Amino acid sequence: VHVPAAVAAPQEADSRTVHVDEAALIGVLKRLEIRLGDIEDQVRHS
């Protein structure tokens, strides 16, 4: 799994374990939800 540096937290000794900042994932999900809402509005108002 490739995780961008802006999202990944510092890794521990095990290089196979990826740690992701929860707040970053929540932010990405919120942006996707907003974008999805915008697209739904465009479809409804077309």
All heavy atoms as atom14 arrays in JSON, in Angstrom:
{
  "sequence": "VHVPAAVAAPQEADSRTVHVDEAALIGVLKRLEIRLGDIEDQVRHS",
  "atom14_mask": [
    [1, 1, 1, 1, 1, 1, 1, 0, 0, 0, 0, 0, 0, 0],
    [1, 1, 1, 1, 1, 1, 1, 1, 1, 1, 0, 0, 0, 0],
    [1, 1, 1, 1, 1, 1, 1, 0, 0, 0, 0, 0, 0, 0],
    [1, 1, 1, 1, 1, 1, 1, 0, 0, 0, 0, 0, 0, 0],
    [1, 1, 1, 1, 1, 0, 0, 0, 0, 0, 0, 0, 0, 0],
    [1, 1, 1, 1, 1, 0, 0, 0, 0, 0, 0, 0, 0, 0],
    [1, 1, 1, 1, 1, 1, 1, 0, 0, 0, 0, 0, 0, 0],
    [1, 1, 1, 1, 1, 0, 0, 0, 0, 0, 0, 0, 0, 0],
    [1, 1, 1, 1, 1, 0, 0, 0, 0, 0, 0, 0, 0, 0],
    [1, 1, 1, 1, 1, 1, 1, 0, 0, 0, 0, 0, 0, 0],
    [1, 1, 1, 1, 1, 1, 1, 1, 1, 0, 0, 0, 0, 0],
    [1, 1, 1, 1, 1, 1, 1, 1, 1, 0, 0, 0, 0, 0],
    [1, 1, 1, 1, 1, 0, 0, 0, 0, 0, 0, 0, 0, 0],
    [1, 1, 1, 1, 1, 1, 1, 1, 0, 0, 0, 0, 0, 0],
    [1, 1, 1, 1, 1, 1, 0, 0, 0, 0, 0, 0, 0, 0],
    [1, 1, 1, 1, 1, 1, 1, 1, 1, 1, 1, 0, 0, 0],
    [1, 1, 1, 1, 1, 1, 1, 0, 0, 0, 0, 0, 0, 0],
    [1, 1, 1, 1, 1, 1, 1, 0, 0, 0, 0, 0, 0, 0],
    [1, 1, 1, 1, 1, 1, 1, 1, 1, 1, 0, 0, 0, 0],
    [1, 1, 1, 1, 1, 1, 1, 0, 0, 0, 0, 0, 0, 0],
    [1, 1, 1, 1, 1, 1, 1, 1, 0, 0, 0, 0, 0, 0],
    [1, 1, 1, 1, 1, 1, 1, 1, 1, 0, 0, 0, 0, 0],
    [1, 1, 1, 1, 1, 0, 0, 0, 0, 0, 0, 0, 0, 0],
    [1, 1, 1, 1, 1, 0, 0, 0, 0, 0, 0, 0, 0, 0],
    [1, 1, 1, 1, 1, 1, 1, 1, 0, 0, 0, 0, 0, 0],
    [1, 1, 1, 1, 1, 1, 1, 1, 0, 0, 0, 0, 0, 0],
    [1, 1, 1, 1, 0, 0, 0, 0, 0, 0, 0, 0, 0, 0],
    [1, 1, 1, 1, 1, 1, 1, 0, 0, 0, 0, 0, 0, 0],
    [1, 1, 1, 1, 1, 1, 1, 1, 0, 0, 0, 0, 0, 0],
    [1, 1, 1, 1, 1, 1, 1, 1, 1, 0, 0, 0, 0, 0],
    [1, 1, 1, 1, 1, 1, 1, 1, 1, 1, 1, 0, 0, 0],
    [1, 1, 1, 1, 1, 1, 1, 1, 0, 0, 0, 0, 0, 0],
    [1, 1, 1, 1, 1, 1, 1, 1, 1, 0, 0, 0, 0, 0],
    [1, 1, 1, 1, 1, 1, 1, 1, 0, 0, 0, 0, 0, 0],
    [1, 1, 1, 1, 1, 1, 1, 1, 1, 1, 1, 0, 0, 0],
    [1, 1, 1, 1, 1, 1, 1, 1, 0, 0, 0, 0, 0, 0],
    [1, 1, 1, 1, 0, 0, 0, 0, 0, 0, 0, 0, 0, 0],
    [1, 1, 1, 1, 1, 1, 1, 1, 0, 0, 0, 0, 0, 0],
    [1, 1, 1, 1, 1, 1, 1, 1, 0, 0, 0, 0, 0, 0],
    [1, 1, 1, 1, 1, 1, 1, 1, 1, 0, 0, 0, 0, 0],
    [1, 1, 1, 1, 1, 1, 1, 1, 0, 0, 0, 0, 0, 0],
    [1, 1, 1, 1, 1, 1, 1, 1, 1, 0, 0, 0, 0, 0],
    [1, 1, 1, 1, 1, 1, 1, 0, 0, 0, 0, 0, 0, 0],
    [1, 1, 1, 1, 1, 1, 1, 1, 1, 1, 1, 0, 0, 0],
    [1, 1, 1, 1, 1, 1, 1, 1, 1, 1, 0, 0, 0, 0],
    [1, 1, 1, 1, 1, 1, 0, 0, 0, 0, 0, 0, 0, 0]
  ],
  "atom14_positions": [
    [[0.84, -1.19, 0.0], [0.0, 0.0, 0.0], [0.88, 1.24, 0.0], [1.74, 1.4, 0.85], [-0.93, 0.01, 1.23], [-1.71, 1.3, 1.3], [-1.86, -1.18, 1.19], [0.0, 0.0, 0.0], [0.0, 0.0, 0.0], [0.0, 0.0, 0.0], [0.0, 0.0, 0.0], [0.0, 0.0, 0.0], [0.0, 0.0, 0.0], [0.0, 0.0, 0.0]],
    [[0.65, 2.11, -0.98], [1.39, 3.36, -1.04], [0.55, 4.44, -0.37], [-0.57, 4.71, -0.77], [1.66, 3.75, -2.5], [2.25, 5.12, -2.61], [3.52, 5.4, -2.21], [1.72, 6.29, -3.07], [3.76, 6.69, -2.43], [2.68, 7.23, -2.95], [0.0, 0.0, 0.0], [0.0, 0.0, 0.0], [0.0, 0.0, 0.0], [0.0, 0.0, 0.0]],
    [[1.09, 5.04, 0.66], [0.4, 6.09, 1.38], [1.21, 7.36, 1.23], [2.41, 7.38, 1.51], [0.24, 5.73, 2.88], [-0.48, 6.83, 3.62], [-0.49, 4.42, 3.03], [0.0, 0.0, 0.0], [0.0, 0.0, 0.0], [0.0, 0.0, 0.0], [0.0, 0.0, 0.0], [0.0, 0.0, 0.0], [0.0, 0.0, 0.0], [0.0, 0.0, 0.0]],
    [[0.58, 8.47, 0.75], [1.32, 9.72, 0.6], [1.91, 10.18, 1.92], [1.38, 9.91, 2.99], [0.26, 10.71, 0.12], [-0.85, 9.86, -0.42], [-0.8, 8.57, 0.32], [0.0, 0.0, 0.0], [0.0, 0.0, 0.0], [0.0, 0.0, 0.0], [0.0, 0.0, 0.0], [0.0, 0.0, 0.0], [0.0, 0.0, 0.0], [0.0, 0.0, 0.0]],
    [[3.03, 10.9, 1.83], [3.73, 11.35, 3.03], [2.86, 12.28, 3.87], [2.99, 12.31, 5.09], [5.02, 12.05, 2.63], [0.0, 0.0, 0.0], [0.0, 0.0, 0.0], [0.0, 0.0, 0.0], [0.0, 0.0, 0.0], [0.0, 0.0, 0.0], [0.0, 0.0, 0.0], [0.0, 0.0, 0.0], [0.0, 0.0, 0.0], [0.0, 0.0, 0.0]],
    [[1.95, 13.02, 3.24], [1.1, 13.94, 3.99], [0.11, 13.19, 4.86], [-0.37, 13.7, 5.85], [0.35, 14.86, 3.03], [0.0, 0.0, 0.0], [0.0, 0.0, 0.0], [0.0, 0.0, 0.0], [0.0, 0.0, 0.0], [0.0, 0.0, 0.0], [0.0, 0.0, 0.0], [0.0, 0.0, 0.0], [0.0, 0.0, 0.0], [0.0, 0.0, 0.0]],
    [[-0.19, 11.93, 4.5], [-1.18, 11.16, 5.24], [-0.52, 10.24, 6.25], [-1.03, 10.01, 7.33], [-2.05, 10.34, 4.25], [-3.03, 9.46, 5.0], [-2.8, 11.27, 3.31], [0.0, 0.0, 0.0], [0.0, 0.0, 0.0], [0.0, 0.0, 0.0], [0.0, 0.0, 0.0], [0.0, 0.0, 0.0], [0.0, 0.0, 0.0], [0.0, 0.0, 0.0]],
    [[0.63, 9.7, 5.89], [1.27, 8.69, 6.74], [1.93, 9.32, 7.95], [2.55, 10.37, 7.87], [2.3, 7.92, 5.93], [0.0, 0.0, 0.0], [0.0, 0.0, 0.0], [0.0, 0.0, 0.0], [0.0, 0.0, 0.0], [0.0, 0.0, 0.0], [0.0, 0.0, 0.0], [0.0, 0.0, 0.0], [0.0, 0.0, 0.0], [0.0, 0.0, 0.0]],
    [[1.79, 8.65, 9.08], [2.46, 9.06, 10.31], [3.84, 8.41, 10.33], [4.11, 7.5, 9.56], [1.63, 8.63, 11.51], [0.0, 0.0, 0.0], [0.0, 0.0, 0.0], [0.0, 0.0, 0.0], [0.0, 0.0, 0.0], [0.0, 0.0, 0.0], [0.0, 0.0, 0.0], [0.0, 0.0, 0.0], [0.0, 0.0, 0.0], [0.0, 0.0, 0.0]],
    [[4.74, 8.86, 11.19], [6.06, 8.21, 11.27], [5.89, 6.72, 11.55], [5.09, 6.32, 12.37], [6.75, 8.91, 12.43], [5.99, 10.17, 12.63], [4.61, 9.96, 12.11], [0.0, 0.0, 0.0], [0.0, 0.0, 0.0], [0.0, 0.0, 0.0], [0.0, 0.0, 0.0], [0.0, 0.0, 0.0], [0.0, 0.0, 0.0], [0.0, 0.0, 0.0]],
    [[6.68, 5.89, 10.85], [6.56, 4.45, 10.98], [7.46, 3.93, 12.08], [8.5, 4.5, 12.39], [6.91, 3.77, 9.67], [5.94, 4.12, 8.56], [6.2, 3.29, 7.32], [7.1, 2.47, 7.3], [5.4, 3.51, 6.31], [0.0, 0.0, 0.0], [0.0, 0.0, 0.0], [0.0, 0.0, 0.0], [0.0, 0.0, 0.0], [0.0, 0.0, 0.0]],
    [[7.04, 2.8, 12.63], [7.81, 2.16, 13.68], [8.88, 1.28, 13.03], [9.1, 1.34, 11.83], [6.87, 1.34, 14.56], [5.86, 2.19, 15.29], [4.85, 1.35, 16.05], [4.92, 0.11, 15.97], [4.0, 1.94, 16.7], [0.0, 0.0, 0.0], [0.0, 0.0, 0.0], [0.0, 0.0, 0.0], [0.0, 0.0, 0.0], [0.0, 0.0, 0.0]],
    [[9.5, 0.41, 13.8], [10.58, -0.42, 13.31], [10.11, -1.38, 12.23], [10.85, -1.69, 11.31], [11.2, -1.2, 14.47], [0.0, 0.0, 0.0], [0.0, 0.0, 0.0], [0.0, 0.0, 0.0], [0.0, 0.0, 0.0], [0.0, 0.0, 0.0], [0.0, 0.0, 0.0], [0.0, 0.0, 0.0], [0.0, 0.0, 0.0], [0.0, 0.0, 0.0]],
    [[8.89, -1.88, 12.29], [8.38, -2.82, 11.29], [7.98, -2.02, 10.06], [7.01, -1.27, 10.06], [7.18, -3.58, 11.85], [6.69, -4.64, 10.89], [7.36, -4.89, 9.87], [5.62, -5.22, 11.16], [0.0, 0.0, 0.0], [0.0, 0.0, 0.0], [0.0, 0.0, 0.0], [0.0, 0.0, 0.0], [0.0, 0.0, 0.0], [0.0, 0.0, 0.0]],
    [[8.7, -2.19, 8.96], [8.46, -1.38, 7.76], [7.23, -1.86, 7.0], [6.78, -1.18, 6.08], [9.68, -1.43, 6.84], [9.88, -2.76, 6.4], [0.0, 0.0, 0.0], [0.0, 0.0, 0.0], [0.0, 0.0, 0.0], [0.0, 0.0, 0.0], [0.0, 0.0, 0.0], [0.0, 0.0, 0.0], [0.0, 0.0, 0.0], [0.0, 0.0, 0.0]],
    [[6.67, -3.01, 7.33], [5.49, -3.51, 6.64], [4.2, -2.94, 7.19], [3.16, -3.02, 6.56], [5.44, -5.03, 6.71], [6.56, -5.68, 5.91], [6.55, -7.16, 5.99], [5.19, -7.68, 6.01], [4.88, -8.92, 6.31], [5.83, -9.78, 6.6], [3.63, -9.32, 6.32], [0.0, 0.0, 0.0], [0.0, 0.0, 0.0], [0.0, 0.0, 0.0]],
    [[4.21, -2.34, 8.35], [3.02, -1.78, 8.96], [2.92, -0.3, 8.58], [3.87, 0.45, 8.73], [3.07, -1.91, 10.49], [3.23, -3.29, 10.81], [1.81, -1.38, 11.12], [0.0, 0.0, 0.0], [0.0, 0.0, 0.0], [0.0, 0.0, 0.0], [0.0, 0.0, 0.0], [0.0, 0.0, 0.0], [0.0, 0.0, 0.0], [0.0, 0.0, 0.0]],
    [[1.75, 0.1, 8.09], [1.52, 1.48, 7.68], [0.58, 2.12, 8.68], [-0.47, 1.56, 8.99], [0.92, 1.55, 6.26], [0.64, 2.97, 5.87], [1.84, 0.89, 5.26], [0.0, 0.0, 0.0], [0.0, 0.0, 0.0], [0.0, 0.0, 0.0], [0.0, 0.0, 0.0], [0.0, 0.0, 0.0], [0.0, 0.0, 0.0], [0.0, 0.0, 0.0]],
    [[0.95, 3.29, 9.16], [0.09, 4.02, 10.09], [-0.45, 5.24, 9.37], [0.31, 5.99, 8.75], [0.88, 4.45, 11.33], [1.41, 3.28, 12.1], [0.62, 2.56, 12.96], [2.62, 2.69, 12.1], [1.34, 1.58, 13.49], [2.56, 1.63, 12.98], [0.0, 0.0, 0.0], [0.0, 0.0, 0.0], [0.0, 0.0, 0.0], [0.0, 0.0, 0.0]],
    [[-1.75, 5.43, 9.45], [-2.39, 6.54, 8.76], [-3.09, 7.4, 9.8], [-3.75, 6.9, 10.7], [-3.42, 6.03, 7.72], [-4.11, 7.18, 7.04], [-2.73, 5.15, 6.69], [0.0, 0.0, 0.0], [0.0, 0.0, 0.0], [0.0, 0.0, 0.0], [0.0, 0.0, 0.0], [0.0, 0.0, 0.0], [0.0, 0.0, 0.0], [0.0, 0.0, 0.0]],
    [[-2.92, 8.68, 9.63], [-3.55, 9.62, 10.54], [-5.06, 9.59, 10.33], [-5.56, 9.78, 9.22], [-2.99, 11.03, 10.27], [-3.54, 12.06, 11.23], [-3.97, 11.67, 12.34], [-3.52, 13.25, 10.87], [0.0, 0.0, 0.0], [0.0, 0.0, 0.0], [0.0, 0.0, 0.0], [0.0, 0.0, 0.0], [0.0, 0.0, 0.0], [0.0, 0.0, 0.0]],
    [[-5.81, 9.32, 11.39], [-7.26, 9.23, 11.32], [-7.88, 10.53, 10.83], [-8.81, 10.53, 10.04], [-7.81, 8.89, 12.71], [-8.68, 7.69, 12.75], [-9.15, 7.41, 14.16], [-10.15, 8.04, 14.58], [-8.52, 6.58, 14.82], [0.0, 0.0, 0.0], [0.0, 0.0, 0.0], [0.0, 0.0, 0.0], [0.0, 0.0, 0.0], [0.0, 0.0, 0.0]],
    [[-7.37, 11.64, 11.3], [-7.92, 12.95, 10.92], [-7.77, 13.19, 9.42], [-8.66, 13.75, 8.78], [-7.24, 14.06, 11.7], [0.0, 0.0, 0.0], [0.0, 0.0, 0.0], [0.0, 0.0, 0.0], [0.0, 0.0, 0.0], [0.0, 0.0, 0.0], [0.0, 0.0, 0.0], [0.0, 0.0, 0.0], [0.0, 0.0, 0.0], [0.0, 0.0, 0.0]],
    [[-6.64, 12.73, 8.85], [-6.44, 12.9, 7.41], [-7.45, 12.08, 6.62], [-8.01, 12.56, 5.63], [-5.02, 12.51, 7.02], [0.0, 0.0, 0.0], [0.0, 0.0, 0.0], [0.0, 0.0, 0.0], [0.0, 0.0, 0.0], [0.0, 0.0, 0.0], [0.0, 0.0, 0.0], [0.0, 0.0, 0.0], [0.0, 0.0, 0.0], [0.0, 0.0, 0.0]],
    [[-7.7, 10.85, 7.04], [-8.69, 10.02, 6.36], [-10.1, 10.6, 6.49], [-10.87, 10.6, 5.54], [-8.67, 8.6, 6.91], [-7.61, 7.68, 6.36], [-7.66, 6.32, 7.03], [-7.73, 7.52, 4.87], [0.0, 0.0, 0.0], [0.0, 0.0, 0.0], [0.0, 0.0, 0.0], [0.0, 0.0, 0.0], [0.0, 0.0, 0.0], [0.0, 0.0, 0.0]],
    [[-10.41, 11.1, 7.66], [-11.73, 11.71, 7.86], [-11.88, 12.93, 6.97], [-12.93, 13.15, 6.36], [-11.94, 12.05, 9.35], [-12.08, 10.76, 10.15], [-13.16, 12.94, 9.54], [-12.09, 10.95, 11.65], [0.0, 0.0, 0.0], [0.0, 0.0, 0.0], [0.0, 0.0, 0.0], [0.0, 0.0, 0.0], [0.0, 0.0, 0.0], [0.0, 0.0, 0.0]],
    [[-10.82, 13.71, 6.84], [-10.86, 14.88, 5.95], [-11.08, 14.49, 4.51], [-11.87, 15.12, 3.79], [0.0, 0.0, 0.0], [0.0, 0.0, 0.0], [0.0, 0.0, 0.0], [0.0, 0.0, 0.0], [0.0, 0.0, 0.0], [0.0, 0.0, 0.0], [0.0, 0.0, 0.0], [0.0, 0.0, 0.0], [0.0, 0.0, 0.0], [0.0, 0.0, 0.0]],
    [[-10.39, 13.44, 4.06], [-10.56, 12.97, 2.68], [-11.98, 12.49, 2.47], [-12.62, 12.79, 1.45], [-9.53, 11.85, 2.36], [-9.86, 11.16, 1.05], [-8.13, 12.41, 2.33], [0.0, 0.0, 0.0], [0.0, 0.0, 0.0], [0.0, 0.0, 0.0], [0.0, 0.0, 0.0], [0.0, 0.0, 0.0], [0.0, 0.0, 0.0], [0.0, 0.0, 0.0]],
    [[-12.52, 11.73, 3.43], [-13.89, 11.25, 3.3], [-14.9, 12.39, 3.27], [-15.88, 12.36, 2.52], [-14.22, 10.28, 4.44], [-13.58, 8.9, 4.33], [-13.84, 8.09, 5.59], [-14.08, 8.16, 3.11], [0.0, 0.0, 0.0], [0.0, 0.0, 0.0], [0.0, 0.0, 0.0], [0.0, 0.0, 0.0], [0.0, 0.0, 0.0], [0.0, 0.0, 0.0]],
    [[-14.67, 13.42, 4.07], [-15.58, 14.58, 4.07], [-15.54, 15.3, 2.73], [-16.57, 15.69, 2.19], [-15.22, 15.54, 5.2], [-15.68, 15.07, 6.55], [-15.37, 16.08, 7.64], [-15.83, 15.55, 8.99], [-15.55, 16.48, 10.07], [0.0, 0.0, 0.0], [0.0, 0.0, 0.0], [0.0, 0.0, 0.0], [0.0, 0.0, 0.0], [0.0, 0.0, 0.0]],
    [[-14.32, 15.47, 2.17], [-14.21, 16.12, 0.86], [-14.92, 15.29, -0.21], [-15.6, 15.84, -1.08], [-12.75, 16.35, 0.49], [-12.11, 17.49, 1.27], [-10.79, 17.93, 0.67], [-9.81, 16.86, 0.54], [-8.95, 16.49, 1.48], [-8.93, 17.14, 2.64], [-8.1, 15.52, 1.29], [0.0, 0.0, 0.0], [0.0, 0.0, 0.0], [0.0, 0.0, 0.0]],
    [[-14.77, 13.97, -0.15], [-15.45, 13.11, -1.12], [-16.97, 13.19, -0.96], [-17.71, 13.21, -1.95], [-14.99, 11.66, -0.96], [-13.65, 11.33, -1.57], [-13.24, 9.91, -1.2], [-13.68, 11.48, -3.07], [0.0, 0.0, 0.0], [0.0, 0.0, 0.0], [0.0, 0.0, 0.0], [0.0, 0.0, 0.0], [0.0, 0.0, 0.0], [0.0, 0.0, 0.0]],
    [[-17.43, 13.26, 0.28], [-18.86, 13.38, 0.52], [-19.41, 14.7, -0.04], [-20.47, 14.74, -0.66], [-19.15, 13.28, 2.02], [-20.61, 13.24, 2.36], [-20.85, 13.06, 3.85], [-19.87, 12.97, 4.62], [-22.02, 13.01, 4.23], [0.0, 0.0, 0.0], [0.0, 0.0, 0.0], [0.0, 0.0, 0.0], [0.0, 0.0, 0.0], [0.0, 0.0, 0.0]],
    [[-18.66, 15.78, 0.15], [-19.08, 17.08, -0.38], [-19.12, 17.03, -1.9], [-20.06, 17.5, -2.53], [-18.13, 18.19, 0.12], [-18.35, 18.4, 1.63], [-18.35, 19.49, -0.65], [-17.3, 19.29, 2.28], [0.0, 0.0, 0.0], [0.0, 0.0, 0.0], [0.0, 0.0, 0.0], [0.0, 0.0, 0.0], [0.0, 0.0, 0.0], [0.0, 0.0, 0.0]],
    [[-18.07, 16.44, -2.5], [-18.02, 16.35, -3.97], [-19.16, 15.5, -4.5], [-19.78, 15.83, -5.51], [-16.66, 15.76, -4.4], [-16.5, 15.62, -5.88], [-16.45, 16.99, -6.56], [-16.36, 16.81, -7.98], [-17.11, 17.45, -8.86], [-17.94, 18.39, -8.45], [-17.01, 17.21, -10.13], [0.0, 0.0, 0.0], [0.0, 0.0, 0.0], [0.0, 0.0, 0.0]],
    [[-19.46, 14.4, -3.82], [-20.57, 13.54, -4.22], [-21.89, 14.31, -4.14], [-22.74, 14.21, -5.03], [-20.61, 12.3, -3.34], [-21.72, 11.3, -3.62], [-21.62, 10.76, -5.02], [-21.66, 10.17, -2.61], [0.0, 0.0, 0.0], [0.0, 0.0, 0.0], [0.0, 0.0, 0.0], [0.0, 0.0, 0.0], [0.0, 0.0, 0.0], [0.0, 0.0, 0.0]],
    [[-22.06, 15.09, -3.08], [-23.26, 15.92, -2.97], [-23.38, 16.92, -4.09], [-24.47, 17.15, -4.63], [0.0, 0.0, 0.0], [0.0, 0.0, 0.0], [0.0, 0.0, 0.0], [0.0, 0.0, 0.0], [0.0, 0.0, 0.0], [0.0, 0.0, 0.0], [0.0, 0.0, 0.0], [0.0, 0.0, 0.0], [0.0, 0.0, 0.0], [0.0, 0.0, 0.0]],
    [[-22.25, 17.53, -4.47], [-22.26, 18.48, -5.59], [-22.69, 17.8, -6.89], [-23.48, 18.34, -7.67], [-20.88, 19.11, -5.78], [-20.5, 20.04, -4.63], [-21.41, 20.44, -3.87], [-19.3, 20.37, -4.51], [0.0, 0.0, 0.0], [0.0, 0.0, 0.0], [0.0, 0.0, 0.0], [0.0, 0.0, 0.0], [0.0, 0.0, 0.0], [0.0, 0.0, 0.0]],
    [[-22.15, 16.61, -7.13], [-22.5, 15.88, -8.35], [-23.98, 15.5, -8.34], [-24.67, 15.63, -9.36], [-21.61, 14.63, -8.52], [-20.16, 15.06, -8.79], [-22.11, 13.74, -9.65], [-19.16, 13.93, -8.76], [0.0, 0.0, 0.0], [0.0, 0.0, 0.0], [0.0, 0.0, 0.0], [0.0, 0.0, 0.0], [0.0, 0.0, 0.0], [0.0, 0.0, 0.0]],
    [[-24.48, 15.05, -7.2], [-25.9, 14.7, -7.1], [-26.78, 15.93, -7.36], [-27.8, 15.83, -8.03], [-26.21, 14.11, -5.73], [-25.68, 12.72, -5.55], [-25.86, 12.2, -4.13], [-26.13, 13.02, -3.22], [-25.73, 10.99, -3.95], [0.0, 0.0, 0.0], [0.0, 0.0, 0.0], [0.0, 0.0, 0.0], [0.0, 0.0, 0.0], [0.0, 0.0, 0.0]],
    [[-26.38, 17.09, -6.84], [-27.13, 18.32, -7.09], [-27.14, 18.67, -8.57], [-28.16, 19.1, -9.12], [-26.56, 19.48, -6.28], [-26.85, 19.36, -4.8], [-27.76, 18.58, -4.43], [-26.17, 20.04, -4.01], [0.0, 0.0, 0.0], [0.0, 0.0, 0.0], [0.0, 0.0, 0.0], [0.0, 0.0, 0.0], [0.0, 0.0, 0.0], [0.0, 0.0, 0.0]],
    [[-25.99, 18.51, -9.23], [-25.91, 18.79, -10.66], [-26.85, 17.88, -11.45], [-27.52, 18.33, -12.37], [-24.48, 18.62, -11.18], [-23.54, 19.7, -10.73], [-22.11, 19.41, -11.16], [-21.81, 18.37, -11.72], [-21.21, 20.34, -10.86], [0.0, 0.0, 0.0], [0.0, 0.0, 0.0], [0.0, 0.0, 0.0], [0.0, 0.0, 0.0], [0.0, 0.0, 0.0]],
    [[-26.9, 16.61, -11.07], [-27.78, 15.67, -11.77], [-29.23, 16.03, -11.52], [-30.05, 16.03, -12.44], [-27.48, 14.22, -11.32], [-28.54, 13.26, -11.84], [-26.11, 13.8, -11.8], [0.0, 0.0, 0.0], [0.0, 0.0, 0.0], [0.0, 0.0, 0.0], [0.0, 0.0, 0.0], [0.0, 0.0, 0.0], [0.0, 0.0, 0.0], [0.0, 0.0, 0.0]],
    [[-29.57, 16.36, -10.28], [-30.96, 16.71, -9.97], [-31.41, 17.98, -10.68], [-32.55, 18.09, -11.08], [-31.11, 16.91, -8.46], [-31.56, 15.67, -7.76], [-31.95, 15.96, -6.32], [-31.26, 14.99, -5.49], [-30.31, 15.26, -4.63], [-29.93, 16.48, -4.42], [-29.73, 14.31, -3.94], [0.0, 0.0, 0.0], [0.0, 0.0, 0.0], [0.0, 0.0, 0.0]],
    [[-30.53, 18.95, -10.8], [-30.9, 20.23, -11.38], [-30.63, 20.34, -12.87], [-30.86, 21.39, -13.46], [-30.18, 21.36, -10.62], [-30.63, 21.48, -9.21], [-29.94, 20.89, -8.17], [-31.71, 22.08, -8.65], [-30.57, 21.15, -7.04], [-31.64, 21.85, -7.3], [0.0, 0.0, 0.0], [0.0, 0.0, 0.0], [0.0, 0.0, 0.0], [0.0, 0.0, 0.0]],
    [[-30.12, 19.27, -13.48], [-29.9, 19.33, -14.93], [-31.26, 19.35, -15.61], [-32.21, 18.73, -15.14], [-29.06, 18.14, -15.41], [-29.78, 16.95, -15.25], [0.0, 0.0, 0.0], [0.0, 0.0, 0.0], [0.0, 0.0, 0.0], [0.0, 0.0, 0.0], [0.0, 0.0, 0.0], [0.0, 0.0, 0.0], [0.0, 0.0, 0.0], [0.0, 0.0, 0.0]]
  ]
}
